[in-house]
């Protein structure tokens, strides 16, 4: 596998993961009650706990996105 193929792969991974992160964040910022109501049907947890869990998961996903998608893509751009 050559560097150009890897660069293209990580570019698309970065785009898809950034889209997921952006969509998740926008939903939680602009429609938190809708998200809570739909999740409350499956997981009966208090609102405060739900907020903490969502913020923690968004933060974790952001770190994983940066480490495993964005950084390899930028490194491949630098060496390519």
C-alpha atoms as a PDB file:
ATOM      1  CA  UNK A   1       0.000   0.000   0.000  1.00  0.00           C
ATOM      2  CA  UNK A   2       1.470   3.346  -0.972  1.00  0.00           C
ATOM      3  CA  UNK A   3       1.386   6.659   0.886  1.00  0.00           C
ATOM      4  CA  UNK A   4      -1.162   8.199  -1.483  1.00  0.00           C
ATOM      5  CA  UNK A   5      -3.676   5.407  -0.787  1.00  0.00           C
ATOM      6  CA  UNK A   6      -3.162   5.724   2.966  1.00  0.00           C
ATOM      7  CA  UNK A   7      -3.512   9.505   2.772  1.00  0.00           C
ATOM      8  CA  UNK A   8      -6.787   9.169   0.879  1.00  0.00           C
ATOM      9  CA  UNK A   9      -8.054   6.561   3.352  1.00  0.00           C
ATOM     10  CA  UNK A  10      -7.278   8.742   6.377  1.00  0.00           C
ATOM     11  CA  UNK A  11      -8.713  11.804   4.638  1.00  0.00           C
ATOM     12  CA  UNK A  12     -12.073  10.055   4.248  1.00  0.00           C
ATOM     13  CA  UNK A  13     -11.896   8.663   7.793  1.00  0.00           C
ATOM     14  CA  UNK A  14     -11.287  12.170   9.073  1.00  0.00           C
ATOM     15  CA  UNK A  15     -14.184  13.594   7.056  1.00  0.00           C
ATOM     16  CA  UNK A  16     -16.633  10.901   8.194  1.00  0.00           C
ATOM     17  CA  UNK A  17     -15.564  11.044  11.838  1.00  0.00           C
ATOM     18  CA  UNK A  18     -15.672  14.848  11.878  1.00  0.00           C
ATOM     19  CA  UNK A  19     -19.180  14.692  10.429  1.00  0.00           C
ATOM     20  CA  UNK A  20     -20.305  12.264  13.106  1.00  0.00           C
ATOM     21  CA  UNK A  21     -18.764  14.406  15.844  1.00  0.00           C
ATOM     22  CA  UNK A  22     -20.321  17.573  14.441  1.00  0.00           C
ATOM     23  CA  UNK A  23     -23.753  15.975  14.027  1.00  0.00           C
ATOM     24  CA  UNK A  24     -23.670  14.515  17.541  1.00  0.00           C
ATOM     25  CA  UNK A  25     -22.613  17.844  19.039  1.00  0.00           C
ATOM     26  CA  UNK A  26     -25.214  19.839  17.092  1.00  0.00           C
ATOM     27  CA  UNK A  27     -27.998  17.469  18.146  1.00  0.00           C
ATOM     28  CA  UNK A  28     -26.974  17.727  21.772  1.00  0.00           C
ATOM     29  CA  UNK A  29     -26.575  21.514  21.659  1.00  0.00           C
ATOM     30  CA  UNK A  30     -29.763  22.409  19.798  1.00  0.00           C
ATOM     31  CA  UNK A  31     -32.153  19.570  20.710  1.00  0.00           C
ATOM     32  CA  UNK A  32     -31.082  18.216  24.105  1.00  0.00           C
ATOM     33  CA  UNK A  33     -34.649  17.571  25.243  1.00  0.00           C
ATOM     34  CA  UNK A  34     -35.427  15.527  22.130  1.00  0.00           C
ATOM     35  CA  UNK A  35     -32.273  13.461  22.579  1.00  0.00           C
ATOM     36  CA  UNK A  36     -33.027  12.914  26.260  1.00  0.00           C
ATOM     37  CA  UNK A  37     -36.652  11.907  25.614  1.00  0.00           C
ATOM     38  CA  UNK A  38     -35.733   9.386  22.946  1.00  0.00           C
ATOM     39  CA  UNK A  39     -32.992   7.831  25.072  1.00  0.00           C
ATOM     40  CA  UNK A  40     -35.076   7.871  28.242  1.00  0.00           C
ATOM     41  CA  UNK A  41     -37.393   5.270  26.721  1.00  0.00           C
ATOM     42  CA  UNK A  42     -34.532   2.756  26.664  1.00  0.00           C
ATOM     43  CA  UNK A  43     -32.345   3.932  29.540  1.00  0.00           C
ATOM     44  CA  UNK A  44     -34.263   5.347  32.522  1.00  0.00           C
ATOM     45  CA  UNK A  45     -31.595   7.625  34.009  1.00  0.00           C
ATOM     46  CA  UNK A  46     -31.877  11.103  35.535  1.00  0.00           C
ATOM     47  CA  UNK A  47     -31.265  14.112  33.290  1.00  0.00           C
ATOM     48  CA  UNK A  48     -28.108  15.192  35.146  1.00  0.00           C
ATOM     49  CA  UNK A  49     -26.548  11.750  34.745  1.00  0.00           C
ATOM     50  CA  UNK A  50     -27.525  11.716  31.082  1.00  0.00           C
ATOM     51  CA  UNK A  51     -25.836  15.087  30.509  1.00  0.00           C
ATOM     52  CA  UNK A  52     -22.629  13.921  32.176  1.00  0.00           C
ATOM     53  CA  UNK A  53     -22.572  10.699  30.169  1.00  0.00           C
ATOM     54  CA  UNK A  54     -23.172  12.501  26.869  1.00  0.00           C
ATOM     55  CA  UNK A  55     -20.486  15.120  27.556  1.00  0.00           C
ATOM     56  CA  UNK A  56     -18.034  12.392  28.550  1.00  0.00           C
ATOM     57  CA  UNK A  57     -18.775  10.356  25.418  1.00  0.00           C
ATOM     58  CA  UNK A  58     -18.458  13.388  23.139  1.00  0.00           C
ATOM     59  CA  UNK A  59     -15.136  14.236  24.786  1.00  0.00           C
ATOM     60  CA  UNK A  60     -13.903  10.660  24.458  1.00  0.00           C
ATOM     61  CA  UNK A  61     -14.945  10.494  20.807  1.00  0.00           C
ATOM     62  CA  UNK A  62     -13.187  13.799  20.143  1.00  0.00           C
ATOM     63  CA  UNK A  63      -9.931  12.507  21.636  1.00  0.00           C
ATOM     64  CA  UNK A  64     -10.180   9.215  19.721  1.00  0.00           C
ATOM     65  CA  UNK A  65     -10.981  11.143  16.523  1.00  0.00           C
ATOM     66  CA  UNK A  66      -7.939  13.374  16.923  1.00  0.00           C
ATOM     67  CA  UNK A  67      -5.541  10.570  17.836  1.00  0.00           C
ATOM     68  CA  UNK A  68      -6.647   7.922  15.344  1.00  0.00           C
ATOM     69  CA  UNK A  69      -7.938   9.957  12.390  1.00  0.00           C
ATOM     70  CA  UNK A  70      -6.691  13.519  12.276  1.00  0.00           C
ATOM     71  CA  UNK A  71      -3.102  13.030  13.465  1.00  0.00           C
ATOM     72  CA  UNK A  72      -2.318  10.137  11.069  1.00  0.00           C
ATOM     73  CA  UNK A  73      -3.839  12.111   8.194  1.00  0.00           C
ATOM     74  CA  UNK A  74      -1.751  15.193   8.989  1.00  0.00           C
ATOM     75  CA  UNK A  75       1.381  13.082   9.412  1.00  0.00           C
ATOM     76  CA  UNK A  76       0.816  11.445   6.026  1.00  0.00           C
ATOM     77  CA  UNK A  77       0.299  14.854   4.453  1.00  0.00           C
ATOM     78  CA  UNK A  78       3.609  16.034   5.892  1.00  0.00           C
ATOM     79  CA  UNK A  79       5.631  13.072   4.664  1.00  0.00           C
ATOM     80  CA  UNK A  80       3.816  12.777   1.330  1.00  0.00           C
END
